[in-house]
Amino acid sequence: MPRKYVILLVVALGVIVLDQWTKYLVVRELTSQMQGQETLGGRLGAMFGDPPPQGYDGLHYRPRRSIEVSENFFRLRYAENPGAAWGLFRSMSPDKRGPLFHVVSLGAVVLIVFYFRKLSGSDPAEKWALWGLPLVLGGAMGNYIDRLARGFVIDFLEAHWFDKAAWPSFNIADAAICVGVGLLLVDAFVRKEKPAPAPTKAA
């Protein structure tokens, strides 16, 4: 298998596994959804099965606690996002939002694979895209798994400034997408299309 496809599989699958594993830990430790489930299968069923109806706070899983990592700057707190990144399209009706996200997610996968196939994998100038595209792919698939399983994405990373200003909650998949897009922006500035050599004039 060519080296570039090894990178694609390892990075994308690594992001997906890390993303789903951290979400599992968040649901287990910060919500009551898995209480009473003694086996791994039972806990996974509670996480990936049909979610309970929304409560008064708008959440399907009832939060139990949050974890203050840095009292005035960062915490781990369970949140649900039925919309896109940063809560976009949150207010759209579910019957329209679901098909839209399916089309966008699958379209993103097709485009990423299409552009990745065009990389030679041996040109040092491609290194930004070589790592950026798999990060975006893994992040997109991580959140898409959430949407397929329960119709909303689990977020839990919350950066804030003394509770006076806060960045929208996000997760590992979102972070991978942001880093990947950043690498692709660097690639757009660093890697330029080489102009075709001018034809030589006959003597």
Protein backbone atom coordinates (compact mmCIF):
# COMPACT_ATOMS: atom_id res chain seq x y z
CA MET A 1 0.00 0.00 0.00
CA PRO A 2 1.41 3.44 -0.90
CA ARG A 3 2.67 5.47 2.06
CA LYS A 4 0.12 8.24 1.55
CA TYR A 5 -2.79 5.82 2.02
CA VAL A 6 -1.20 4.44 5.18
CA ILE A 7 -1.12 8.02 6.51
CA LEU A 8 -4.75 8.54 5.47
CA LEU A 9 -5.98 5.40 7.22
CA VAL A 10 -3.89 5.77 10.38
CA VAL A 11 -4.65 9.46 10.94
CA ALA A 12 -8.34 9.33 10.01
CA LEU A 13 -9.04 6.16 12.02
CA GLY A 14 -6.97 7.50 14.91
CA VAL A 15 -9.08 10.66 15.05
CA ILE A 16 -12.33 8.67 14.85
CA VAL A 17 -11.30 6.27 17.64
CA LEU A 18 -10.02 9.06 19.92
CA ASP A 19 -13.13 11.14 19.26
CA GLN A 20 -15.60 8.34 20.01
CA TRP A 21 -13.59 7.12 23.01
CA THR A 22 -13.56 10.58 24.64
CA LYS A 23 -17.29 10.98 23.98
CA TYR A 24 -17.89 7.59 25.61
CA LEU A 25 -15.94 8.71 28.68
CA VAL A 26 -17.87 11.98 28.82
CA VAL A 27 -21.25 10.25 28.66
CA ARG A 28 -20.13 7.71 31.28
CA GLU A 29 -18.57 10.18 33.71
CA LEU A 30 -20.53 13.40 33.23
CA THR A 31 -24.08 12.15 32.58
CA SER A 32 -26.47 9.62 34.10
CA GLN A 33 -27.12 7.87 30.77
CA MET A 34 -25.02 4.80 31.61
CA GLN A 35 -25.99 4.43 35.26
CA GLY A 36 -27.11 0.89 36.03
CA GLN A 37 -25.30 -0.54 33.00
CA GLU A 38 -22.75 -3.04 34.31
CA THR A 39 -21.37 -4.32 31.00
CA LEU A 40 -19.54 -2.58 28.17
CA GLY A 41 -22.23 -3.73 25.75
CA GLY A 42 -24.92 -2.18 27.90
CA ARG A 43 -23.04 1.11 28.17
CA LEU A 44 -22.44 1.21 24.42
CA GLY A 45 -26.12 0.46 23.84
CA ALA A 46 -27.06 3.35 26.11
CA MET A 47 -24.76 5.66 24.17
CA PHE A 48 -25.53 4.57 20.60
CA GLY A 49 -29.16 3.56 20.98
CA ASP A 50 -32.15 5.84 20.58
CA PRO A 51 -31.70 8.74 23.02
CA PRO A 52 -34.37 9.55 25.61
CA PRO A 53 -36.63 12.57 25.05
CA GLN A 54 -35.20 16.01 25.72
CA GLY A 55 -35.46 17.26 29.28
CA TYR A 56 -36.36 20.73 30.52
CA ASP A 57 -32.80 21.87 29.78
CA GLY A 58 -33.03 20.76 26.14
CA LEU A 59 -30.62 17.85 26.66
CA HIS A 60 -31.33 14.17 25.96
CA TYR A 61 -28.75 12.88 28.47
CA ARG A 62 -29.02 14.29 31.99
CA PRO A 63 -25.73 15.89 33.15
CA ARG A 64 -24.42 14.89 36.57
CA ARG A 65 -21.37 17.10 36.94
CA SER A 66 -18.69 19.06 35.12
CA ILE A 67 -14.93 19.08 35.60
CA GLU A 68 -13.07 22.36 36.10
CA VAL A 69 -9.69 22.01 34.41
CA SER A 70 -8.80 25.65 34.89
CA GLU A 71 -11.34 27.49 37.04
CA ASN A 72 -11.48 30.67 35.01
CA PHE A 73 -10.55 29.39 31.58
CA PHE A 74 -11.43 25.79 30.75
CA ARG A 75 -13.83 23.04 31.80
CA LEU A 76 -15.23 19.72 30.65
CA ARG A 77 -19.01 19.93 30.51
CA TYR A 78 -21.48 17.78 28.62
CA ALA A 79 -23.31 19.52 25.78
CA GLU A 80 -25.35 18.50 22.74
CA ASN A 81 -25.19 20.11 19.33
CA PRO A 82 -27.92 19.20 16.83
CA GLY A 83 -26.51 21.71 14.37
CA ALA A 84 -23.24 22.06 12.49
CA ALA A 85 -19.96 23.34 13.91
CA TRP A 86 -20.41 26.10 16.50
CA GLY A 87 -24.17 25.46 16.51
CA LEU A 88 -24.92 26.54 12.94
CA PHE A 89 -28.36 25.40 11.66
CA ARG A 90 -29.36 24.45 15.22
CA SER A 91 -32.78 26.06 14.74
CA MET A 92 -33.48 24.23 11.45
CA SER A 93 -36.21 21.60 11.69
CA PRO A 94 -34.90 18.02 12.14
CA ASP A 95 -36.58 16.74 8.96
CA LYS A 96 -34.57 19.26 6.92
CA ARG A 97 -31.41 19.30 9.03
CA GLY A 98 -30.87 15.52 8.89
CA PRO A 99 -30.82 15.16 5.08
CA LEU A 100 -28.69 18.31 4.77
CA PHE A 101 -26.01 16.94 7.09
CA HIS A 102 -26.02 13.56 5.35
CA VAL A 103 -25.41 15.20 1.97
CA VAL A 104 -22.77 17.60 3.34
CA SER A 105 -20.90 14.88 5.28
CA LEU A 106 -20.82 12.40 2.41
CA GLY A 107 -19.93 15.17 -0.05
CA ALA A 108 -17.03 16.22 2.17
CA VAL A 109 -15.73 12.65 2.28
CA VAL A 110 -15.89 12.36 -1.52
CA LEU A 111 -14.06 15.68 -2.02
CA ILE A 112 -11.37 14.85 0.54
CA VAL A 113 -10.67 11.45 -1.04
CA PHE A 114 -10.69 13.01 -4.52
CA TYR A 115 -8.09 15.63 -3.63
CA PHE A 116 -6.05 13.18 -1.58
CA ARG A 117 -5.76 10.83 -4.56
CA LYS A 118 -4.16 13.66 -6.55
CA LEU A 119 -1.27 13.90 -4.08
CA SER A 120 1.87 12.09 -5.17
CA GLY A 121 2.82 11.27 -1.58
CA SER A 122 6.51 11.78 -2.34
CA ASP A 123 6.72 15.56 -2.83
CA PRO A 124 7.88 17.28 0.42
CA ALA A 125 5.84 20.35 -0.57
CA GLU A 126 2.64 18.27 -0.13
CA LYS A 127 3.24 17.53 3.55
CA TRP A 128 0.64 20.05 4.76
CA ALA A 129 -2.13 18.55 2.62
CA LEU A 130 -0.88 15.02 3.27
CA TRP A 131 -1.66 15.41 6.97
CA GLY A 132 -4.40 18.04 6.79
CA LEU A 133 -6.82 16.08 4.61
CA PRO A 134 -6.83 12.95 6.83
CA LEU A 135 -7.44 15.12 9.92
CA VAL A 136 -10.46 16.75 8.29
CA LEU A 137 -11.71 13.34 7.11
CA GLY A 138 -11.39 11.78 10.56
CA GLY A 139 -13.10 14.73 12.22
CA ALA A 140 -15.96 14.77 9.72
CA MET A 141 -16.53 11.03 10.16
CA GLY A 142 -16.34 11.26 13.96
CA ASN A 143 -19.18 13.77 14.09
CA TYR A 144 -21.10 11.97 11.36
CA ILE A 145 -21.15 8.81 13.52
CA ASP A 146 -22.84 10.88 16.24
CA ARG A 147 -25.47 12.15 13.83
CA LEU A 148 -26.22 8.65 12.55
CA ALA A 149 -26.44 7.21 16.07
CA ARG A 150 -28.54 9.83 17.84
CA GLY A 151 -29.15 12.89 15.65
CA PHE A 152 -26.88 15.24 17.62
CA VAL A 153 -23.17 15.66 18.29
CA ILE A 154 -21.69 15.36 21.77
CA ASP A 155 -19.50 18.32 22.76
CA PHE A 156 -17.62 18.70 26.01
CA LEU A 157 -14.60 21.01 25.65
CA GLU A 158 -15.51 24.48 26.90
CA ALA A 159 -13.07 27.39 26.83
CA HIS A 160 -14.23 30.53 28.63
CA TRP A 161 -12.94 33.75 30.14
CA PHE A 162 -14.05 34.06 33.77
CA ASP A 163 -17.53 32.95 32.62
CA LYS A 164 -17.93 36.36 30.94
CA ALA A 165 -17.17 35.12 27.45
CA ALA A 166 -17.08 31.57 26.13
CA TRP A 167 -16.02 29.82 22.95
CA PRO A 168 -18.72 27.45 21.64
CA SER A 169 -18.32 23.94 23.06
CA PHE A 170 -16.44 21.52 20.83
CA ASN A 171 -14.97 18.03 20.75
CA ILE A 172 -11.96 16.11 19.42
CA ALA A 173 -13.48 15.81 15.95
CA ASP A 174 -14.00 19.58 15.77
CA ALA A 175 -10.42 20.17 16.90
CA ALA A 176 -9.09 17.78 14.23
CA ILE A 177 -11.11 19.57 11.55
CA CYS A 178 -9.80 22.97 12.65
CA VAL A 179 -6.18 21.78 12.69
CA GLY A 180 -6.65 20.04 9.33
CA VAL A 181 -8.18 23.14 7.73
CA GLY A 182 -5.31 25.19 9.14
CA LEU A 183 -2.79 22.84 7.51
CA LEU A 184 -4.67 23.09 4.21
CA LEU A 185 -4.54 26.88 4.39
CA VAL A 186 -0.79 26.67 4.90
CA ASP A 187 -0.63 24.29 1.94
CA ALA A 188 -2.51 26.80 -0.23
CA PHE A 189 0.13 29.44 0.51
CA VAL A 190 3.21 27.21 0.43
CA ARG A 191 2.53 24.89 -2.47
CA LYS A 192 2.13 26.61 -5.80
CA GLU A 193 1.34 25.07 -9.11
CA LYS A 194 4.53 24.89 -11.13
CA PRO A 195 4.16 26.68 -14.47
CA ALA A 196 4.58 24.55 -17.55
CA PRO A 197 8.03 24.96 -19.14
CA ALA A 198 8.08 27.31 -22.12
CA PRO A 199 8.49 25.51 -25.44
CA THR A 200 11.95 25.76 -26.92
CA LYS A 201 12.22 27.53 -30.23
CA ALA A 202 13.58 25.59 -33.14
CA ALA A 203 16.91 26.85 -34.43
